[in-house]
Amino acid sequence: MLKRVIGYLKERVAVLVEFGTRSRIRGFSVPRWIICLGCGITLLILAGSLYNIGTEGFTAYNRARLERENAELHARFRDLSAISDSLEELIRLAEVHDIQMRILNEMDVLPEDVRKLGVGGSDLLSTEMIGLRELDSGSFSEIAVISRGVDELLRRTHYQKESFSEIEVGLEKNAEIRDHIPSVVPTKGTFCGKFGYRSDPILGIRKMHCGVDISNLRGTPVIATADGVVSYTGWISGYGNVIKIEHGNCIETVYAHLSEIFVEVGDEVERYSLIGAMGATGRTVGTHLHYEVRVAGKAVNPEGYFLNGEEVLTQYPMP
């Protein structure tokens, strides 16, 4: 079979060529394999040309598509840039508020360099962005800057979320502590007895007065001055009807000379809870409330705990 093919290719083929207007014909012969080789080369040249034309057409089409996408991306990233600027302003305000809240609540304020620790941007390496980089390096740089800005905003937002959570916990702790500090006046009336040494109104001798006295009409409401648990209710010689409230942190308040007691031992009370009524029980020369604040069992001046202004008793009508 191979010999027959080789023999076929070696056969010579007569070629006639007409020259000029007089139709002069000349002939010559060539091996058949030369004709096959020429046809093959011609086909290869044709195929290569068609491939180049197709490739250039596809490249032009792809370039036009990238240009359209580039224009769309520019428009979108302009919008994104505007949104990024707005978010930047909001986060900046949140950071200022964060610092103010930390200062007000006596919490540590982190330095600016710590707040920005780890902030950085990542390059854009997607297929679309690589194409954009090849098309227009300036556009890619602009978009990369926006991308890094968004990445930084995300990091700052995450940090701010964690910071606000920390502040919230701190506020809850501080609020609980404040709620258990006896910081309001326990009743309305006139202060008629100060804390400290004085002449005893009954015995007439100089004696330590361990609280403050507030006078008003019998039945005037008496409130708890802070959150706590009622630890004692009953009669104590000299004090008359008494309520004691434990507030935690070794702080205790005492309410004496009451005409009525509205709570029982073990009751949990809140600041402003109604616990009793003013009276004149025990050793006294008139209707008033004797109020003490004790820290670790030692009487201290209650006036040092009173806040100014609105936190004085307002919940209950006075006669």
C-alpha atoms as a PDB file:
ATOM      1  CA  MET A   1       0.000   0.000   0.000  1.00  0.00           C
ATOM      2  CA  LEU A   2       2.798   2.415   0.930  1.00  0.00           C
ATOM      3  CA  LYS A   3       4.657   1.628  -2.297  1.00  0.00           C
ATOM      4  CA  ARG A   4       1.553   2.392  -4.318  1.00  0.00           C
ATOM      5  CA  VAL A   5       1.145   5.790  -2.531  1.00  0.00           C
ATOM      6  CA  ILE A   6       4.807   6.641  -3.086  1.00  0.00           C
ATOM      7  CA  GLY A   7       4.513   5.598  -6.700  1.00  0.00           C
ATOM      8  CA  TYR A   8       1.406   7.729  -7.102  1.00  0.00           C
ATOM      9  CA  LEU A   9       3.141  10.810  -5.672  1.00  0.00           C
ATOM     10  CA  LYS A  10       6.172  10.294  -7.928  1.00  0.00           C
ATOM     11  CA  GLU A  11       4.086  10.257 -11.058  1.00  0.00           C
ATOM     12  CA  ARG A  12       4.551  13.370 -13.124  1.00  0.00           C
ATOM     13  CA  VAL A  13       1.650  15.535 -14.133  1.00  0.00           C
ATOM     14  CA  ALA A  14       1.631  17.520 -17.382  1.00  0.00           C
ATOM     15  CA  VAL A  15       0.941  21.208 -16.957  1.00  0.00           C
ATOM     16  CA  LEU A  16      -0.066  23.362 -19.964  1.00  0.00           C
ATOM     17  CA  VAL A  17       0.293  27.151 -19.746  1.00  0.00           C
ATOM     18  CA  GLU A  18      -1.106  29.601 -22.289  1.00  0.00           C
ATOM     19  CA  PHE A  19       1.033  32.716 -22.906  1.00  0.00           C
ATOM     20  CA  GLY A  20       0.149  36.000 -24.508  1.00  0.00           C
ATOM     21  CA  THR A  21      -2.627  36.930 -26.864  1.00  0.00           C
ATOM     22  CA  ARG A  22      -1.549  34.470 -29.565  1.00  0.00           C
ATOM     23  CA  SER A  23      -2.474  31.583 -27.336  1.00  0.00           C
ATOM     24  CA  ARG A  24       0.978  30.169 -27.343  1.00  0.00           C
ATOM     25  CA  ILE A  25       0.888  27.088 -25.217  1.00  0.00           C
ATOM     26  CA  ARG A  26       3.822  25.628 -23.419  1.00  0.00           C
ATOM     27  CA  GLY A  27       3.830  22.530 -21.353  1.00  0.00           C
ATOM     28  CA  PHE A  28       5.959  20.967 -18.662  1.00  0.00           C
ATOM     29  CA  SER A  29       5.572  18.216 -16.140  1.00  0.00           C
ATOM     30  CA  VAL A  30       6.028  18.188 -12.361  1.00  0.00           C
ATOM     31  CA  PRO A  31       5.843  15.398  -9.805  1.00  0.00           C
ATOM     32  CA  ARG A  32       2.436  14.961  -8.240  1.00  0.00           C
ATOM     33  CA  TRP A  33       3.895  15.422  -4.699  1.00  0.00           C
ATOM     34  CA  ILE A  34       4.941  19.008  -5.514  1.00  0.00           C
ATOM     35  CA  ILE A  35       1.365  19.861  -6.435  1.00  0.00           C
ATOM     36  CA  CYS A  36       0.105  18.309  -3.159  1.00  0.00           C
ATOM     37  CA  LEU A  37       2.721  20.215  -1.187  1.00  0.00           C
ATOM     38  CA  GLY A  38       1.731  23.495  -2.838  1.00  0.00           C
ATOM     39  CA  CYS A  39      -1.937  22.889  -2.082  1.00  0.00           C
ATOM     40  CA  GLY A  40      -1.096  22.102   1.551  1.00  0.00           C
ATOM     41  CA  ILE A  41       0.956  25.266   1.959  1.00  0.00           C
ATOM     42  CA  THR A  42      -1.824  27.317   0.390  1.00  0.00           C
ATOM     43  CA  LEU A  43      -4.376  25.827   2.793  1.00  0.00           C
ATOM     44  CA  LEU A  44      -2.114  26.555   5.768  1.00  0.00           C
ATOM     45  CA  ILE A  45      -1.696  30.175   4.687  1.00  0.00           C
ATOM     46  CA  LEU A  46      -5.449  30.486   4.258  1.00  0.00           C
ATOM     47  CA  ALA A  47      -6.151  28.958   7.668  1.00  0.00           C
ATOM     48  CA  GLY A  48      -3.600  31.240   9.342  1.00  0.00           C
ATOM     49  CA  SER A  49      -5.114  34.298   7.700  1.00  0.00           C
ATOM     50  CA  LEU A  50      -8.609  33.312   8.784  1.00  0.00           C
ATOM     51  CA  TYR A  51      -7.369  32.704  12.330  1.00  0.00           C
ATOM     52  CA  ASN A  52      -5.698  36.123  12.490  1.00  0.00           C
ATOM     53  CA  ILE A  53      -8.814  37.827  11.177  1.00  0.00           C
ATOM     54  CA  GLY A  54     -10.973  36.007  13.743  1.00  0.00           C
ATOM     55  CA  THR A  55      -8.596  36.766  16.606  1.00  0.00           C
ATOM     56  CA  GLU A  56      -8.411  40.456  15.751  1.00  0.00           C
ATOM     57  CA  GLY A  57     -12.184  40.605  15.487  1.00  0.00           C
ATOM     58  CA  PHE A  58     -12.630  38.911  18.853  1.00  0.00           C
ATOM     59  CA  THR A  59     -10.007  41.186  20.418  1.00  0.00           C
ATOM     60  CA  ALA A  60     -11.767  44.263  19.055  1.00  0.00           C
ATOM     61  CA  TYR A  61     -15.118  42.973  20.341  1.00  0.00           C
ATOM     62  CA  ASN A  62     -13.645  42.153  23.756  1.00  0.00           C
ATOM     63  CA  ARG A  63     -11.976  45.556  23.941  1.00  0.00           C
ATOM     64  CA  ALA A  64     -15.248  47.302  23.108  1.00  0.00           C
ATOM     65  CA  ARG A  65     -16.989  45.236  25.808  1.00  0.00           C
ATOM     66  CA  LEU A  66     -14.328  46.175  28.349  1.00  0.00           C
ATOM     67  CA  GLU A  67     -14.668  49.834  27.410  1.00  0.00           C
ATOM     68  CA  ARG A  68     -18.426  49.662  28.020  1.00  0.00           C
ATOM     69  CA  GLU A  69     -17.897  47.870  31.324  1.00  0.00           C
ATOM     70  CA  ASN A  70     -15.208  50.374  32.197  1.00  0.00           C
ATOM     71  CA  ALA A  71     -17.639  53.256  31.705  1.00  0.00           C
ATOM     72  CA  GLU A  72     -20.256  51.469  33.821  1.00  0.00           C
ATOM     73  CA  LEU A  73     -17.708  50.741  36.534  1.00  0.00           C
ATOM     74  CA  HIS A  74     -16.628  54.370  36.581  1.00  0.00           C
ATOM     75  CA  ALA A  75     -20.232  55.441  37.135  1.00  0.00           C
ATOM     76  CA  ARG A  76     -20.781  52.847  39.855  1.00  0.00           C
ATOM     77  CA  PHE A  77     -17.549  53.624  41.633  1.00  0.00           C
ATOM     78  CA  ARG A  78     -18.320  57.332  41.582  1.00  0.00           C
ATOM     79  CA  ASP A  79     -21.518  56.475  43.450  1.00  0.00           C
ATOM     80  CA  LEU A  80     -19.562  54.163  45.734  1.00  0.00           C
ATOM     81  CA  SER A  81     -17.065  56.923  46.419  1.00  0.00           C
ATOM     82  CA  ALA A  82     -19.876  59.276  47.457  1.00  0.00           C
ATOM     83  CA  ILE A  83     -21.366  56.597  49.732  1.00  0.00           C
ATOM     84  CA  SER A  84     -17.920  55.895  51.158  1.00  0.00           C
ATOM     85  CA  ASP A  85     -17.474  59.578  52.000  1.00  0.00           C
ATOM     86  CA  SER A  86     -20.859  59.625  53.778  1.00  0.00           C
ATOM     87  CA  LEU A  87     -19.994  56.486  55.754  1.00  0.00           C
ATOM     88  CA  GLU A  88     -16.623  57.980  56.637  1.00  0.00           C
ATOM     89  CA  GLU A  89     -18.365  61.002  58.165  1.00  0.00           C
ATOM     90  CA  LEU A  90     -20.823  58.815  60.112  1.00  0.00           C
ATOM     91  CA  ILE A  91     -18.036  56.631  61.485  1.00  0.00           C
ATOM     92  CA  ARG A  92     -16.010  59.705  62.417  1.00  0.00           C
ATOM     93  CA  LEU A  93     -18.979  61.064  64.396  1.00  0.00           C
ATOM     94  CA  ALA A  94     -19.424  57.654  66.044  1.00  0.00           C
ATOM     95  CA  GLU A  95     -15.752  57.675  67.049  1.00  0.00           C
ATOM     96  CA  VAL A  96     -16.104  61.155  68.561  1.00  0.00           C
ATOM     97  CA  HIS A  97     -19.208  59.987  70.459  1.00  0.00           C
ATOM     98  CA  ASP A  98     -17.288  56.900  71.590  1.00  0.00           C
ATOM     99  CA  ILE A  99     -14.501  59.055  73.042  1.00  0.00           C
ATOM    100  CA  GLN A 100     -16.998  61.340  74.808  1.00  0.00           C
ATOM    101  CA  MET A 101     -18.849  58.389  76.359  1.00  0.00           C
ATOM    102  CA  ARG A 102     -15.600  56.824  77.539  1.00  0.00           C
ATOM    103  CA  ILE A 103     -14.513  60.085  79.163  1.00  0.00           C
ATOM    104  CA  LEU A 104     -17.905  60.583  80.861  1.00  0.00           C
ATOM    105  CA  ASN A 105     -17.848  57.024  82.207  1.00  0.00           C
ATOM    106  CA  GLU A 106     -14.188  57.184  83.258  1.00  0.00           C
ATOM    107  CA  MET A 107     -13.148  54.488  80.781  1.00  0.00           C
ATOM    108  CA  ASP A 108      -9.832  54.288  78.948  1.00  0.00           C
ATOM    109  CA  VAL A 109      -9.722  56.180  75.647  1.00  0.00           C
ATOM    110  CA  LEU A 110      -7.636  54.387  73.048  1.00  0.00           C
ATOM    111  CA  PRO A 111      -5.103  56.481  71.084  1.00  0.00           C
ATOM    112  CA  GLU A 112      -5.745  57.194  67.419  1.00  0.00           C
ATOM    113  CA  ASP A 113      -2.902  54.950  66.243  1.00  0.00           C
ATOM    114  CA  VAL A 114      -4.395  52.014  68.162  1.00  0.00           C
ATOM    115  CA  ARG A 115      -7.825  52.666  66.662  1.00  0.00           C
ATOM    116  CA  LYS A 116      -6.309  52.424  63.177  1.00  0.00           C
ATOM    117  CA  LEU A 117      -4.143  49.408  63.985  1.00  0.00           C
ATOM    118  CA  GLY A 118      -4.409  46.795  61.272  1.00  0.00           C
ATOM    119  CA  VAL A 119      -6.258  49.075  58.884  1.00  0.00           C
ATOM    120  CA  GLY A 120      -5.196  48.425  55.309  1.00  0.00           C
ATOM    121  CA  GLY A 121      -6.457  47.686  51.856  1.00  0.00           C
ATOM    122  CA  SER A 122      -6.361  44.664  49.609  1.00  0.00           C
ATOM    123  CA  ASP A 123      -5.617  44.838  45.898  1.00  0.00           C
ATOM    124  CA  LEU A 124      -8.280  43.890  43.379  1.00  0.00           C
ATOM    125  CA  LEU A 125      -7.287  40.705  41.583  1.00  0.00           C
ATOM    126  CA  SER A 126     -10.508  39.430  40.038  1.00  0.00           C
ATOM    127  CA  THR A 127     -10.553  38.528  36.328  1.00  0.00           C
ATOM    128  CA  GLU A 128     -12.643  41.592  35.530  1.00  0.00           C
ATOM    129  CA  MET A 129     -10.313  43.906  37.439  1.00  0.00           C
ATOM    130  CA  ILE A 130      -7.223  42.431  35.784  1.00  0.00           C
ATOM    131  CA  GLY A 131      -8.823  43.212  32.430  1.00  0.00           C
ATOM    132  CA  LEU A 132      -9.569  46.716  33.617  1.00  0.00           C
ATOM    133  CA  ARG A 133      -5.997  47.123  34.822  1.00  0.00           C
ATOM    134  CA  GLU A 134      -4.724  46.143  31.357  1.00  0.00           C
ATOM    135  CA  LEU A 135      -7.168  48.516  29.705  1.00  0.00           C
ATOM    136  CA  ASP A 136      -6.638  51.552  31.892  1.00  0.00           C
ATOM    137  CA  SER A 137      -4.138  51.472  34.719  1.00  0.00           C
ATOM    138  CA  GLY A 138      -5.308  54.905  35.912  1.00  0.00           C
ATOM    139  CA  SER A 139      -8.871  53.672  36.317  1.00  0.00           C
ATOM    140  CA  PHE A 140      -7.674  50.591  38.140  1.00  0.00           C
ATOM    141  CA  SER A 141      -5.649  52.710  40.573  1.00  0.00           C
ATOM    142  CA  GLU A 142      -8.665  54.902  41.287  1.00  0.00           C
ATOM    143  CA  ILE A 143     -10.861  51.873  41.965  1.00  0.00           C
ATOM    144  CA  ALA A 144      -8.159  50.246  44.098  1.00  0.00           C
ATOM    145  CA  VAL A 145      -8.040  53.380  46.278  1.00  0.00           C
ATOM    146  CA  ILE A 146     -11.814  53.216  46.782  1.00  0.00           C
ATOM    147  CA  SER A 147     -11.554  49.509  47.572  1.00  0.00           C
ATOM    148  CA  ARG A 148      -8.930  50.139  50.236  1.00  0.00           C
ATOM    149  CA  GLY A 149     -11.098  52.932  51.657  1.00  0.00           C
ATOM    150  CA  VAL A 150     -14.096  50.608  51.917  1.00  0.00           C
ATOM    151  CA  ASP A 151     -11.906  47.957  53.537  1.00  0.00           C
ATOM    152  CA  GLU A 152     -10.739  50.499  56.109  1.00  0.00           C
ATOM    153  CA  LEU A 153     -14.327  51.569  56.824  1.00  0.00           C
ATOM    154  CA  LEU A 154     -15.304  47.942  57.416  1.00  0.00           C
ATOM    155  CA  ARG A 155     -12.440  47.491  59.867  1.00  0.00           C
ATOM    156  CA  ARG A 156     -13.269  50.720  61.701  1.00  0.00           C
ATOM    157  CA  THR A 157     -16.946  49.769  61.824  1.00  0.00           C
ATOM    158  CA  HIS A 158     -16.076  46.383  63.328  1.00  0.00           C
ATOM    159  CA  TYR A 159     -13.806  48.049  65.897  1.00  0.00           C
ATOM    160  CA  GLN A 160     -16.497  50.606  66.749  1.00  0.00           C
ATOM    161  CA  LYS A 161     -19.059  47.845  67.265  1.00  0.00           C
ATOM    162  CA  GLU A 162     -16.718  46.115  69.720  1.00  0.00           C
ATOM    163  CA  SER A 163     -15.983  49.414  71.457  1.00  0.00           C
ATOM    164  CA  PHE A 164     -19.667  50.278  71.883  1.00  0.00           C
ATOM    165  CA  SER A 165     -20.283  46.789  73.296  1.00  0.00           C
ATOM    166  CA  GLU A 166     -17.538  47.424  75.847  1.00  0.00           C
ATOM    167  CA  ILE A 167     -19.054  50.807  76.718  1.00  0.00           C
ATOM    168  CA  GLU A 168     -22.493  49.213  77.094  1.00  0.00           C
ATOM    169  CA  VAL A 169     -21.115  46.698  79.594  1.00  0.00           C
ATOM    170  CA  GLY A 170     -19.363  49.517  81.453  1.00  0.00           C
ATOM    171  CA  LEU A 171     -22.538  51.592  81.541  1.00  0.00           C
ATOM    172  CA  GLU A 172     -24.523  48.659  82.911  1.00  0.00           C
ATOM    173  CA  LYS A 173     -21.956  48.130  85.653  1.00  0.00           C
ATOM    174  CA  ASN A 174     -21.810  51.837  86.467  1.00  0.00           C
ATOM    175  CA  ALA A 175     -25.605  52.095  86.431  1.00  0.00           C
ATOM    176  CA  GLU A 176     -25.881  49.174  88.852  1.00  0.00           C
ATOM    177  CA  ILE A 177     -23.343  50.779  91.162  1.00  0.00           C
ATOM    178  CA  ARG A 178     -25.089  54.160  90.976  1.00  0.00           C
ATOM    179  CA  ASP A 179     -28.483  52.570  91.612  1.00  0.00           C
ATOM    180  CA  HIS A 180     -27.168  51.136  94.888  1.00  0.00           C
ATOM    181  CA  ILE A 181     -25.740  54.427  96.194  1.00  0.00           C
ATOM    182  CA  PRO A 182     -28.169  56.338  98.510  1.00  0.00           C
ATOM    183  CA  SER A 183     -28.103  59.618  96.608  1.00  0.00           C
ATOM    184  CA  VAL A 184     -31.563  61.150  97.168  1.00  0.00           C
ATOM    185  CA  VAL A 185     -33.372  62.757 100.087  1.00  0.00           C
ATOM    186  CA  PRO A 186     -35.704  60.158 101.675  1.00  0.00           C
ATOM    187  CA  THR A 187     -38.652  62.484 102.250  1.00  0.00           C
ATOM    188  CA  LYS A 188     -39.870  66.035 101.850  1.00  0.00           C
ATOM    189  CA  GLY A 189     -39.715  68.472 104.695  1.00  0.00           C
ATOM    190  CA  THR A 190     -37.424  70.768 106.643  1.00  0.00           C
ATOM    191  CA  PHE A 191     -33.967  69.733 107.788  1.00  0.00           C
ATOM    192  CA  CYS A 192     -34.087  70.192 111.558  1.00  0.00           C
ATOM    193  CA  GLY A 193     -31.085  68.188 112.686  1.00  0.00           C
ATOM    194  CA  LYS A 194     -27.594  67.967 111.208  1.00  0.00           C
ATOM    195  CA  PHE A 195     -25.026  65.174 111.334  1.00  0.00           C
ATOM    196  CA  GLY A 196     -22.357  65.601 114.040  1.00  0.00           C
ATOM    197  CA  TYR A 197     -22.027  66.572 117.691  1.00  0.00           C
ATOM    198  CA  ARG A 198     -24.871  68.620 119.144  1.00  0.00           C
ATOM    199  CA  SER A 199     -26.770  69.253 122.365  1.00  0.00           C
ATOM    200  CA  ASP A 200     -29.257  66.405 122.803  1.00  0.00           C
ATOM    201  CA  PRO A 201     -32.773  67.985 122.758  1.00  0.00           C
ATOM    202  CA  ILE A 202     -34.024  65.651 125.525  1.00  0.00           C
ATOM    203  CA  LEU A 203     -30.965  64.961 127.687  1.00  0.00           C
ATOM    204  CA  GLY A 204     -29.408  68.400 127.184  1.00  0.00           C
ATOM    205  CA  ILE A 205     -25.881  66.963 126.909  1.00  0.00           C
ATOM    206  CA  ARG A 206     -23.413  67.136 124.012  1.00  0.00           C
ATOM    207  CA  LYS A 207     -23.820  63.956 122.008  1.00  0.00           C
ATOM    208  CA  MET A 208     -23.030  62.605 118.555  1.00  0.00           C
ATOM    209  CA  HIS A 209     -25.996  62.762 116.150  1.00  0.00           C
ATOM    210  CA  CYS A 210     -25.389  59.946 113.634  1.00  0.00           C
ATOM    211  CA  GLY A 211     -27.802  61.104 110.932  1.00  0.00           C
ATOM    212  CA  VAL A 212     -29.995  63.958 109.734  1.00  0.00           C
ATOM    213  CA  ASP A 213     -33.527  64.856 110.837  1.00  0.00           C
ATOM    214  CA  ILE A 214     -36.237  65.981 108.417  1.00  0.00           C
ATOM    215  CA  SER A 215     -39.512  67.253 109.870  1.00  0.00           C
ATOM    216  CA  ASN A 216     -42.957  67.325 108.275  1.00  0.00           C
ATOM    217  CA  LEU A 217     -46.504  66.188 109.000  1.00  0.00           C
ATOM    218  CA  ARG A 218     -47.303  62.727 110.324  1.00  0.00           C
ATOM    219  CA  GLY A 219     -47.826  60.277 107.446  1.00  0.00           C
ATOM    220  CA  THR A 220     -45.470  62.051 105.043  1.00  0.00           C
ATOM    221  CA  PRO A 221     -44.174  59.354 102.624  1.00  0.00           C
ATOM    222  CA  VAL A 222     -40.676  57.970 103.178  1.00  0.00           C
ATOM    223  CA  ILE A 223     -38.831  56.345 100.287  1.00  0.00           C
ATOM    224  CA  ALA A 224     -35.783  54.125  99.797  1.00  0.00           C
ATOM    225  CA  THR A 225     -32.837  56.244  98.749  1.00  0.00           C
ATOM    226  CA  ALA A 226     -31.245  53.494  96.611  1.00  0.00           C
ATOM    227  CA  ASP A 227     -31.793  49.946  95.377  1.00  0.00           C
ATOM    228  CA  GLY A 228     -31.328  47.306  98.034  1.00  0.00           C
ATOM    229  CA  VAL A 229     -32.812  44.612 100.264  1.00  0.00           C
ATOM    230  CA  VAL A 230     -34.729  45.261 103.482  1.00  0.00           C
ATOM    231  CA  SER A 231     -32.609  43.765 106.281  1.00  0.00           C
ATOM    232  CA  TYR A 232     -34.637  44.852 109.329  1.00  0.00           C
ATOM    233  CA  THR A 233     -38.072  46.177 110.244  1.00  0.00           C
ATOM    234  CA  GLY A 234     -39.291  46.683 113.794  1.00  0.00           C
ATOM    235  CA  TRP A 235     -38.803  48.562 117.022  1.00  0.00           C
ATOM    236  CA  ILE A 236     -35.450  49.776 118.339  1.00  0.00           C
ATOM    237  CA  SER A 237     -35.218  51.593 121.647  1.00  0.00           C
ATOM    238  CA  GLY A 238     -34.841  55.314 121.095  1.00  0.00           C
ATOM    239  CA  TYR A 239     -35.371  54.939 117.330  1.00  0.00           C
ATOM    240  CA  GLY A 240     -38.977  53.742 117.477  1.00  0.00           C
ATOM    241  CA  ASN A 241     -40.217  52.027 114.321  1.00  0.00           C
ATOM    242  CA  VAL A 242     -37.179  51.437 112.109  1.00  0.00           C
ATOM    243  CA  ILE A 243     -36.394  50.172 108.605  1.00  0.00           C
ATOM    244  CA  LYS A 244     -32.869  49.126 107.615  1.00  0.00           C
ATOM    245  CA  ILE A 245     -31.882  48.534 103.987  1.00  0.00           C
ATOM    246  CA  GLU A 246     -28.677  46.872 102.766  1.00  0.00           C
ATOM    247  CA  HIS A 247     -27.460  48.373  99.459  1.00  0.00           C
ATOM    248  CA  GLY A 248     -24.328  46.303  98.889  1.00  0.00           C
ATOM    249  CA  ASN A 249     -20.703  47.454  99.022  1.00  0.00           C
ATOM    250  CA  CYS A 250     -21.082  47.621 102.851  1.00  0.00           C
ATOM    251  CA  ILE A 251     -23.605  50.495 102.577  1.00  0.00           C
ATOM    252  CA  GLU A 252     -26.693  50.528 104.818  1.00  0.00           C
ATOM    253  CA  THR A 253     -29.436  53.129 105.335  1.00  0.00           C
ATOM    254  CA  VAL A 254     -31.598  53.554 108.442  1.00  0.00           C
ATOM    255  CA  TYR A 255     -35.057  55.186 108.612  1.00  0.00           C
ATOM    256  CA  ALA A 256     -36.343  55.857 112.158  1.00  0.00           C
ATOM    257  CA  HIS A 257     -39.336  57.267 114.125  1.00  0.00           C
ATOM    258  CA  LEU A 258     -41.763  55.939 111.488  1.00  0.00           C
ATOM    259  CA  SER A 259     -45.505  55.884 112.068  1.00  0.00           C
ATOM    260  CA  GLU A 260     -45.992  53.070 109.520  1.00  0.00           C
ATOM    261  CA  ILE A 261     -43.835  50.435 107.848  1.00  0.00           C
ATOM    262  CA  PHE A 262     -44.854  49.202 104.374  1.00  0.00           C
ATOM    263  CA  VAL A 263     -42.101  46.637 103.705  1.00  0.00           C
ATOM    264  CA  GLU A 264     -40.895  43.363 105.197  1.00  0.00           C
ATOM    265  CA  VAL A 265     -37.478  41.822 105.734  1.00  0.00           C
ATOM    266  CA  GLY A 266     -36.193  40.333 102.471  1.00  0.00           C
ATOM    267  CA  ASP A 267     -38.135  42.701 100.221  1.00  0.00           C
ATOM    268  CA  GLU A 268     -36.123  44.037  97.295  1.00  0.00           C
ATOM    269  CA  VAL A 269     -36.669  47.755  96.881  1.00  0.00           C
ATOM    270  CA  GLU A 270     -35.612  50.301  94.300  1.00  0.00           C
ATOM    271  CA  ARG A 271     -34.723  53.930  94.667  1.00  0.00           C
ATOM    272  CA  TYR A 272     -37.948  55.916  95.223  1.00  0.00           C
ATOM    273  CA  SER A 273     -39.850  52.813  96.455  1.00  0.00           C
ATOM    274  CA  LEU A 274     -42.365  53.802  99.160  1.00  0.00           C
ATOM    275  CA  ILE A 275     -41.283  52.043 102.365  1.00  0.00           C
ATOM    276  CA  GLY A 276     -42.946  53.886 105.250  1.00  0.00           C
ATOM    277  CA  ALA A 277     -44.514  57.032 106.669  1.00  0.00           C
ATOM    278  CA  MET A 278     -43.076  59.750 108.896  1.00  0.00           C
ATOM    279  CA  GLY A 279     -44.028  59.643 112.567  1.00  0.00           C
ATOM    280  CA  ALA A 280     -42.895  60.376 116.121  1.00  0.00           C
ATOM    281  CA  THR A 281     -42.234  56.912 117.562  1.00  0.00           C
ATOM    282  CA  GLY A 282     -39.343  56.297 119.948  1.00  0.00           C
ATOM    283  CA  ARG A 283     -37.481  59.020 121.801  1.00  0.00           C
ATOM    284  CA  THR A 284     -38.372  62.229 119.987  1.00  0.00           C
ATOM    285  CA  VAL A 285     -39.709  65.728 120.601  1.00  0.00           C
ATOM    286  CA  GLY A 286     -41.803  65.916 117.424  1.00  0.00           C
ATOM    287  CA  THR A 287     -42.765  64.319 114.120  1.00  0.00           C
ATOM    288  CA  HIS A 288     -39.728  63.823 111.910  1.00  0.00           C
ATOM    289  CA  LEU A 289     -37.645  61.242 110.049  1.00  0.00           C
ATOM    290  CA  HIS A 290     -34.244  60.328 111.422  1.00  0.00           C
ATOM    291  CA  TYR A 291     -32.125  59.118 108.476  1.00  0.00           C
ATOM    292  CA  GLU A 292     -28.678  57.519 108.636  1.00  0.00           C
ATOM    293  CA  VAL A 293     -26.139  56.226 106.118  1.00  0.00           C
ATOM    294  CA  ARG A 294     -23.685  53.644 107.423  1.00  0.00           C
ATOM    295  CA  VAL A 295     -20.578  52.420 105.587  1.00  0.00           C
ATOM    296  CA  ALA A 296     -19.024  49.233 106.977  1.00  0.00           C
ATOM    297  CA  GLY A 297     -21.086  49.771 110.119  1.00  0.00           C
ATOM    298  CA  LYS A 298     -19.864  53.334 110.687  1.00  0.00           C
ATOM    299  CA  ALA A 299     -22.264  56.289 110.418  1.00  0.00           C
ATOM    300  CA  VAL A 300     -21.295  58.911 107.818  1.00  0.00           C
ATOM    301  CA  ASN A 301     -22.868  62.241 106.917  1.00  0.00           C
ATOM    302  CA  PRO A 302     -25.865  61.500 104.616  1.00  0.00           C
ATOM    303  CA  GLU A 303     -25.662  64.973 103.095  1.00  0.00           C
ATOM    304  CA  GLY A 304     -22.440  63.931 101.390  1.00  0.00           C
ATOM    305  CA  TYR A 305     -24.504  61.489  99.310  1.00  0.00           C
ATOM    306  CA  PHE A 306     -27.380  63.784  98.349  1.00  0.00           C
ATOM    307  CA  LEU A 307     -27.428  64.902  94.718  1.00  0.00           C
ATOM    308  CA  ASN A 308     -28.539  68.406  93.853  1.00  0.00           C
ATOM    309  CA  GLY A 309     -31.686  69.143  91.900  1.00  0.00           C
ATOM    310  CA  GLU A 310     -34.337  66.835  90.553  1.00  0.00           C
ATOM    311  CA  GLU A 311     -33.532  63.600  92.392  1.00  0.00           C
ATOM    312  CA  VAL A 312     -35.222  64.758  95.599  1.00  0.00           C
ATOM    313  CA  LEU A 313     -38.500  62.940  96.256  1.00  0.00           C
ATOM    314  CA  THR A 314     -41.192  63.939  93.738  1.00  0.00           C
ATOM    315  CA  GLN A 315     -43.181  60.733  93.201  1.00  0.00           C
ATOM    316  CA  TYR A 316     -45.595  60.991  96.113  1.00  0.00           C
ATOM    317  CA  PRO A 317     -47.925  63.889  97.000  1.00  0.00           C
ATOM    318  CA  MET A 318     -47.102  65.655 100.233  1.00  0.00           C
ATOM    319  CA  PRO A 319     -49.800  66.865 102.656  1.00  0.00           C
END
